[in-house]
Structures are given as structure tokens and as C-alpha cells.
């Protein structure tokens, strides 16, 4: 997530959270978003909300190029964090809670290597995967399909689908040249893209299917388990529908599943317009509206209407209600 998008996201979290973190988030804002981008990983920060003491008093976990932080609701480091690293951390911190028991696993990526820690900052023993064959190009990802857990580690040329213990769980039967897009769960399997913009689907037996698309080398992908959204330049695909948007500079698409409905948003940052579509690629009534960043959409109050947050001019935060 880029700095502007992350800023809007955390103002949104500040609005909706029920914890005291709402009053203290400004300390985090100053500590992260007021720093130079050189202190972030790839110019961005991905923040994970955790409850390491299992008392509903939340902490924030994230990485910078040589530190892994966990900070409390007062903006103070939680002991023994930060963890310090001599070698550079090259992907945002990935945090998994496999069984929703708040038994967190922190995945730290350094080039080809993956280091695994628990919420107390201790190395997790018994995780067998240590190194990929080449540079890991997305944060490790946890996917659960049915009762099976998969840890996905992707490089430009290899897709490692592992068990919780770091053993190979799925042998991918065809080698591809992958994009920098994440791997998603889709139709009881896995989906991502190649560096040429083709869709690559992998089933749980490792069988690979590659499909031609209208995507170019530079593209974006996001899915739910049943809905696929992709974008390349001014082309936006929602399921099997293709929209030819005005030529402009767009944010990556965001996909929201709220109250059994799909919403897809992109922002034309050049013309400062937010576009919001339903699952049939139909524009939501009263859109486009003014905004300069991607949005976060949810129901943040007690009525049944959705709200979203975005940025305006001079980094002002705007909150809209959808009537």
C-alpha cells in the first residue's frame, strides 16, 4: 500500500475501531507517515493489527528495511521489539494467525530468504523453508482452502506452495515467469499473473492453466474466492465484463465484499475522480465523486448505509456516505 493509500486507510481505522487505539493512532501516524519514504520498504508500509496479549488491547506490527516493530496503543515499542536486522528486509511484514487463536507468526523476507518469528520475537523452530531460488517478489501469503493451510512464496520464476511447517505441499507442474502481483485463492485453487499479463491458475494438485487476457505487462490483480478484478492502463475487468475507462492515471483497483455484495473502486488521480462499480460492472448511483486517492469502504456507524474515506487536496481526509 502506498503512503497516500495507507494514510487514508489508517484514518479510516481510526474512525471505525472500538478500541482506545483510535485516540492513540496519531502517534503511529507521526512515527510512520511523517518519515521519509527511504525508511519504508519499497516506499510503502503494510501494517498488521494484532492482539499479542489476547486482551483486546491491540498492537500494530510492521517492518522497515532493518527493523520489525510491534507498538502498543500508546505508540511505544512492545518488548522485545523492535527486532533489528543487519541484512535488508525486502518485503512488507506478513503476519498470519492460522486458527484465529491469536498465535501469530511473523514472516520476514530478506531477498531470497524467509525468517519466521512468533509474537514474542523468538525464532519459530521446525519451519523448513529457508530460501527460494531467486528473489522473493511479494510478501509470503497464507491461504486456507477447506481444512488445508498453504503458505505461498513467489519469485519471478518460481511458485512455492508450502505447508505450515515449510514443506512443499503442492508441486507446481509448470514453471512460469511471474508478475509482481500477489497470489490469491480463487475457485478452490490459486491464481496470479505472468509477467506478460496472462492469468495463471494452479489447482491443489499443481496443475497449471495459463489464459490469455487483455492485460499488458504492467497490470493489477485482485480477487475474492469467486470474483476476479484486473486492470491495465484504462482497461478495467470485473468478472467477465470489460470497461474502457477514460485515458488517465488510475490507482490499483480495490475489491470490497460487504453485506453479500461486491464493490470495485478505482480513482482517476489525474482528474481527481472516484469510480465505484458493482459486480456487474455498473457504476454505483451518484458516482463519480471527488477524491485524490484510493478508498476504504465499510459501514462505520450504526445505520445501514456505507461510508468510505479518501483524500482531498493538501492531504485532507474526506468521508462520504453512500445514500
Protein backbone atom coordinates (compact mmCIF):
# COMPACT_ATOMS: atom_id res chain seq x y z
CA UNK A 1 0.00 0.00 0.00
CA UNK A 2 1.39 3.36 -0.96
CA UNK A 3 1.86 6.12 1.61
CA UNK A 4 -1.23 8.12 0.50
CA UNK A 5 -3.38 5.00 0.46
CA UNK A 6 -2.01 3.88 3.80
CA UNK A 7 -2.73 7.30 5.30
CA UNK A 8 -6.34 7.15 4.23
CA UNK A 9 -6.61 3.58 5.42
CA UNK A 10 -5.43 4.41 8.92
CA UNK A 11 -7.69 7.41 9.26
CA UNK A 12 -10.45 5.02 8.33
CA UNK A 13 -9.28 2.58 11.01
CA UNK A 14 -9.20 5.47 13.46
CA UNK A 15 -12.85 6.18 12.71
CA UNK A 16 -14.19 2.64 12.96
CA UNK A 17 -12.13 0.99 15.69
CA UNK A 18 -13.82 0.37 19.02
CA UNK A 19 -10.56 0.30 20.97
CA UNK A 20 -8.54 3.01 22.60
CA UNK A 21 -6.21 2.72 19.62
CA UNK A 22 -8.46 5.31 17.98
CA UNK A 23 -7.24 8.05 20.32
CA UNK A 24 -3.60 6.98 20.10
CA UNK A 25 -3.22 6.34 16.37
CA UNK A 26 -1.88 9.85 15.81
CA UNK A 27 1.37 8.75 17.44
CA UNK A 28 1.68 5.98 14.91
CA UNK A 29 0.76 8.38 12.10
CA UNK A 30 3.59 10.71 13.07
CA UNK A 31 6.06 7.91 13.52
CA UNK A 32 5.47 6.27 10.14
CA UNK A 33 3.80 8.57 7.66
CA UNK A 34 5.79 11.67 8.62
CA UNK A 35 9.08 9.87 7.96
CA UNK A 36 10.92 9.84 4.67
CA UNK A 37 9.96 7.18 2.17
CA UNK A 38 13.52 5.87 2.31
CA UNK A 39 12.69 4.43 5.74
CA UNK A 40 9.90 2.35 4.25
CA UNK A 41 10.08 -0.88 2.25
CA UNK A 42 9.64 -0.13 -1.45
CA UNK A 43 8.27 3.27 -0.44
CA UNK A 44 5.35 1.75 1.46
CA UNK A 45 4.39 0.26 4.78
CA UNK A 46 1.93 -2.53 5.44
CA UNK A 47 0.57 -2.54 8.98
CA UNK A 48 -0.89 -5.57 10.74
CA UNK A 49 -3.24 -5.28 13.71
CA UNK A 50 -2.56 -7.98 16.31
CA UNK A 51 -3.63 -8.85 19.84
CA UNK A 52 -0.48 -10.49 21.15
CA UNK A 53 -1.60 -10.43 24.82
CA UNK A 54 -5.09 -11.74 23.98
CA UNK A 55 -6.82 -8.97 25.91
CA UNK A 56 -8.36 -6.96 23.02
CA UNK A 57 -5.77 -4.20 23.51
CA UNK A 58 -4.43 -4.14 20.01
CA UNK A 59 -0.89 -3.63 18.76
CA UNK A 60 0.47 -2.69 15.36
CA UNK A 61 3.15 -4.82 13.68
CA UNK A 62 5.16 -3.68 10.67
CA UNK A 63 8.63 -3.68 9.15
CA UNK A 64 11.06 -1.07 7.92
CA UNK A 65 14.21 -2.03 5.97
CA UNK A 66 16.17 -3.09 9.08
CA UNK A 67 13.58 -3.36 11.87
CA UNK A 68 10.43 -5.26 12.77
CA UNK A 69 8.25 -3.20 15.10
CA UNK A 70 5.35 -4.01 17.35
CA UNK A 71 3.96 -0.90 19.05
CA UNK A 72 1.20 -0.59 21.62
CA UNK A 73 -1.80 1.74 21.82
CA UNK A 74 0.43 4.44 23.29
CA UNK A 75 2.83 4.29 20.37
CA UNK A 76 5.52 2.60 22.49
CA UNK A 77 7.59 -0.40 21.47
CA UNK A 78 6.41 -3.72 22.89
CA UNK A 79 9.32 -5.69 24.36
CA UNK A 80 11.40 -7.32 22.81
CA UNK A 81 10.61 -5.30 19.69
CA UNK A 82 11.93 -3.81 17.56
CA UNK A 83 13.88 -6.73 16.19
CA UNK A 84 17.00 -5.48 14.40
CA UNK A 85 18.45 -6.95 11.22
CA UNK A 86 21.77 -6.31 9.50
CA UNK A 87 20.52 -7.54 6.12
CA UNK A 88 17.76 -5.57 4.46
CA UNK A 89 14.11 -6.59 4.78
CA UNK A 90 12.83 -6.53 1.21
CA UNK A 91 9.08 -7.16 1.55
CA UNK A 92 6.45 -5.84 3.97
CA UNK A 93 5.94 -7.89 7.12
CA UNK A 94 3.46 -10.75 6.72
CA UNK A 95 1.54 -11.78 9.87
CA UNK A 96 -0.57 -14.94 9.98
CA UNK A 97 -2.98 -16.22 12.62
CA UNK A 98 -3.72 -19.68 11.23
CA UNK A 99 -6.51 -20.79 13.56
CA UNK A 100 -7.72 -17.39 14.77
CA UNK A 101 -6.31 -18.15 18.22
CA UNK A 102 -4.00 -15.13 18.24
CA UNK A 103 -0.97 -17.39 17.93
CA UNK A 104 0.75 -15.14 15.44
CA UNK A 105 3.54 -15.95 13.01
CA UNK A 106 5.66 -13.10 11.65
CA UNK A 107 7.25 -13.72 8.25
CA UNK A 108 10.29 -11.57 7.48
CA UNK A 109 11.58 -11.58 3.88
CA UNK A 110 15.20 -10.79 3.05
CA UNK A 111 15.87 -11.23 -0.64
CA UNK A 112 15.64 -15.00 -1.24
CA UNK A 113 15.23 -15.85 2.43
CA UNK A 114 12.26 -16.13 4.79
CA UNK A 115 12.69 -15.83 8.56
CA UNK A 116 9.86 -16.88 10.86
CA UNK A 117 9.18 -15.46 14.34
CA UNK A 118 6.44 -15.77 16.92
CA UNK A 119 4.70 -12.84 18.59
CA UNK A 120 7.38 -12.80 21.30
CA UNK A 121 10.09 -12.20 18.75
CA UNK A 122 11.53 -15.70 19.03
CA UNK A 123 12.56 -17.78 16.04
CA UNK A 124 9.99 -20.46 15.23
CA UNK A 125 11.75 -23.82 15.16
CA UNK A 126 10.86 -26.50 12.66
CA UNK A 127 9.98 -24.26 9.70
CA UNK A 128 11.90 -25.98 6.94
CA UNK A 129 11.71 -23.45 4.10
CA UNK A 130 14.57 -21.01 4.37
CA UNK A 131 15.48 -19.86 0.89
CA UNK A 132 13.93 -19.55 -2.55
CA UNK A 133 15.92 -19.98 -5.74
CA UNK A 134 15.70 -16.29 -6.57
CA UNK A 135 14.46 -13.01 -5.08
CA UNK A 136 11.00 -13.19 -3.48
CA UNK A 137 8.82 -10.59 -5.23
CA UNK A 138 5.72 -10.43 -2.98
CA UNK A 139 5.17 -10.90 0.77
CA UNK A 140 4.51 -14.53 1.80
CA UNK A 141 0.80 -15.26 1.91
CA UNK A 142 -1.40 -17.62 3.93
CA UNK A 143 -4.30 -19.24 2.10
CA UNK A 144 -6.72 -21.74 3.63
CA UNK A 145 -8.78 -23.91 1.30
CA UNK A 146 -11.16 -26.16 3.17
CA UNK A 147 -9.19 -27.53 6.11
CA UNK A 148 -5.78 -27.16 4.46
CA UNK A 149 -3.34 -24.32 5.07
CA UNK A 150 -0.96 -23.15 2.39
CA UNK A 151 1.94 -20.73 2.66
CA UNK A 152 2.69 -19.19 -0.73
CA UNK A 153 6.11 -17.74 -1.56
CA UNK A 154 6.58 -16.34 -5.07
CA UNK A 155 9.59 -15.20 -7.06
CA UNK A 156 9.86 -14.06 -10.67
CA UNK A 157 10.36 -17.66 -11.79
CA UNK A 158 9.07 -19.99 -9.07
CA UNK A 159 5.93 -20.50 -7.03
CA UNK A 160 6.47 -22.30 -3.73
CA UNK A 161 3.27 -23.63 -2.14
CA UNK A 162 4.15 -24.86 1.33
CA UNK A 163 2.62 -26.35 4.46
CA UNK A 164 2.71 -24.59 7.82
CA UNK A 165 5.96 -26.43 8.50
CA UNK A 166 7.56 -25.04 5.38
CA UNK A 167 7.47 -28.33 3.46
CA UNK A 168 6.36 -28.38 -0.16
CA UNK A 169 2.61 -29.08 -0.14
CA UNK A 170 1.91 -28.54 -3.84
CA UNK A 171 4.43 -29.26 -6.59
CA UNK A 172 3.66 -26.71 -9.30
CA UNK A 173 4.00 -28.69 -12.53
CA UNK A 174 4.86 -25.86 -14.91
CA UNK A 175 7.46 -23.14 -14.48
CA UNK A 176 6.34 -19.65 -15.45
CA UNK A 177 7.70 -16.14 -15.45
CA UNK A 178 5.53 -14.42 -12.85
CA UNK A 179 4.48 -10.82 -12.38
CA UNK A 180 4.83 -8.91 -9.12
CA UNK A 181 1.13 -9.40 -8.37
CA UNK A 182 0.09 -11.45 -5.30
CA UNK A 183 -1.26 -14.98 -5.38
CA UNK A 184 -4.94 -15.24 -4.45
CA UNK A 185 -7.30 -18.05 -3.54
CA UNK A 186 -9.72 -18.47 -6.42
CA UNK A 187 -12.21 -21.25 -7.20
CA UNK A 188 -10.61 -23.63 -4.67
CA UNK A 189 -7.17 -23.08 -6.14
CA UNK A 190 -4.61 -20.35 -6.66
CA UNK A 191 -4.43 -17.54 -9.19
CA UNK A 192 -1.87 -14.94 -10.17
CA UNK A 193 -0.47 -13.48 -13.40
CA UNK A 194 2.58 -13.88 -15.56
CA UNK A 195 4.95 -11.05 -16.43
CA UNK A 196 3.15 -10.77 -19.78
CA UNK A 197 -0.27 -10.26 -18.19
CA UNK A 198 -1.64 -13.77 -18.66
CA UNK A 199 -3.73 -15.41 -15.93
CA UNK A 200 -2.11 -18.38 -14.26
CA UNK A 201 -4.36 -20.71 -12.25
CA UNK A 202 -2.94 -23.58 -10.22
CA UNK A 203 -5.08 -26.28 -8.65
CA UNK A 204 -4.31 -28.09 -5.41
CA UNK A 205 -2.61 -30.88 -7.36
CA UNK A 206 -0.20 -28.46 -9.00
CA UNK A 207 -1.79 -28.45 -12.45
CA UNK A 208 -1.28 -25.12 -14.20
CA UNK A 209 -3.55 -23.37 -16.69
CA UNK A 210 -2.44 -20.19 -18.46
CA UNK A 211 -5.08 -17.96 -20.08
CA UNK A 212 -4.61 -15.05 -22.45
CA UNK A 213 -6.11 -11.74 -21.30
CA UNK A 214 -6.31 -8.12 -22.39
CA UNK A 215 -3.75 -7.19 -19.73
CA UNK A 216 -0.40 -5.66 -20.55
CA UNK A 217 2.87 -6.25 -18.73
CA UNK A 218 2.02 -3.51 -16.22
CA UNK A 219 -1.24 -4.55 -14.58
CA UNK A 220 -3.06 -5.11 -11.29
CA UNK A 221 -4.98 -8.10 -9.98
CA UNK A 222 -7.31 -8.55 -7.01
CA UNK A 223 -9.83 -11.29 -6.25
CA UNK A 224 -12.23 -12.78 -3.77
CA UNK A 225 -12.62 -16.55 -3.85
CA UNK A 226 -15.16 -16.19 -6.70
CA UNK A 227 -14.72 -12.72 -8.21
CA UNK A 228 -11.73 -11.62 -10.28
CA UNK A 229 -10.88 -7.98 -10.99
CA UNK A 230 -7.96 -6.85 -13.12
CA UNK A 231 -6.74 -3.59 -14.58
CA UNK A 232 -4.23 -2.48 -17.16
CA UNK A 233 -3.95 1.21 -18.05
CA UNK A 234 -7.54 2.33 -18.73
CA UNK A 235 -8.94 -1.21 -19.07
CA UNK A 236 -10.86 -2.47 -16.02
CA UNK A 237 -12.14 -6.06 -15.97
CA UNK A 238 -14.81 -7.09 -13.44
CA UNK A 239 -15.61 -10.78 -13.76
CA UNK A 240 -16.34 -11.23 -17.48
CA UNK A 241 -17.15 -7.56 -18.12
CA UNK A 242 -14.62 -5.11 -19.60
CA UNK A 243 -14.78 -1.36 -19.05
CA UNK A 244 -12.84 1.06 -21.22
CA UNK A 245 -12.24 3.98 -18.87
CA UNK A 246 -11.12 7.43 -19.93
CA UNK A 247 -7.40 7.65 -20.58
CA UNK A 248 -5.92 8.78 -17.26
CA UNK A 249 -3.71 7.72 -14.35
CA UNK A 250 -5.60 5.28 -12.09
CA UNK A 251 -4.96 3.76 -8.69
CA UNK A 252 -4.93 -0.02 -8.41
CA UNK A 253 -8.46 -1.44 -8.19
CA UNK A 254 -9.83 -2.31 -4.76
CA UNK A 255 -12.42 -5.01 -4.21
CA UNK A 256 -14.84 -4.93 -1.26
CA UNK A 257 -17.25 -7.69 -0.21
CA UNK A 258 -19.80 -6.16 2.16
CA UNK A 259 -23.25 -7.48 3.07
CA UNK A 260 -23.02 -10.14 0.34
CA UNK A 261 -22.34 -7.52 -2.32
CA UNK A 262 -19.25 -6.82 -4.39
CA UNK A 263 -17.95 -3.29 -4.88
CA UNK A 264 -14.97 -2.34 -7.04
CA UNK A 265 -13.29 1.04 -6.86
CA UNK A 266 -10.59 2.86 -8.79
CA UNK A 267 -9.57 6.50 -8.56
CA UNK A 268 -8.64 8.66 -11.51
CA UNK A 269 -5.92 10.65 -9.75
CA UNK A 270 -5.27 12.77 -12.81
CA UNK A 271 -8.82 14.14 -12.87
CA UNK A 272 -9.48 13.51 -9.15
CA UNK A 273 -12.50 11.25 -9.62
CA UNK A 274 -13.50 8.16 -7.63
CA UNK A 275 -15.31 5.46 -9.59
CA UNK A 276 -17.31 2.75 -7.82
CA UNK A 277 -18.89 -0.25 -9.55
CA UNK A 278 -20.99 -3.25 -8.59
CA UNK A 279 -20.24 -6.87 -9.54
CA UNK A 280 -21.97 -6.37 -12.90
CA UNK A 281 -19.58 -3.53 -13.76
CA UNK A 282 -22.40 -0.99 -13.37
CA UNK A 283 -21.49 2.38 -11.86
CA UNK A 284 -22.98 2.98 -8.41
CA UNK A 285 -25.52 5.81 -8.39
CA UNK A 286 -24.13 9.35 -7.91
CA UNK A 287 -20.60 8.35 -8.91
CA UNK A 288 -18.00 9.50 -9.86
CA UNK A 289 -17.24 11.78 -6.90
CA UNK A 290 -14.26 13.93 -5.98
CA UNK A 291 -11.18 12.34 -4.41
CA UNK A 292 -7.45 12.02 -4.96
CA UNK A 293 -6.59 8.57 -3.56
CA UNK A 294 -7.88 5.04 -3.37
CA UNK A 295 -10.72 4.49 -0.91
CA UNK A 296 -11.63 2.29 2.03
CA UNK A 297 -15.29 1.31 2.12
CA UNK A 298 -17.34 -0.03 5.04
CA UNK A 299 -20.26 0.71 7.33
CA UNK A 300 -18.60 2.80 10.03
CA UNK A 301 -21.65 3.86 12.02
CA UNK A 302 -24.94 2.40 13.25
CA UNK A 303 -27.08 2.91 10.15
CA UNK A 304 -27.28 0.54 7.18
CA UNK A 305 -25.56 2.87 4.73
CA UNK A 306 -21.96 2.51 3.64
CA UNK A 307 -19.27 5.13 4.08
CA UNK A 308 -15.85 5.49 2.52
CA UNK A 309 -12.78 7.54 3.24
CA UNK A 310 -10.42 9.13 0.73
CA UNK A 311 -8.02 12.02 0.44
CA UNK A 312 -8.73 15.50 -0.84
CA UNK A 313 -6.40 18.38 -1.56
CA UNK A 314 -3.46 19.06 0.77
CA UNK A 315 -3.85 15.59 2.31
CA UNK A 316 -7.26 16.45 3.78
CA UNK A 317 -9.33 13.39 4.66
CA UNK A 318 -12.83 13.14 3.21
CA UNK A 319 -15.56 10.79 4.46
CA UNK A 320 -18.52 10.11 2.16
CA UNK A 321 -21.82 8.38 2.90
CA UNK A 322 -23.43 6.37 0.11
CA UNK A 323 -27.18 7.04 0.10
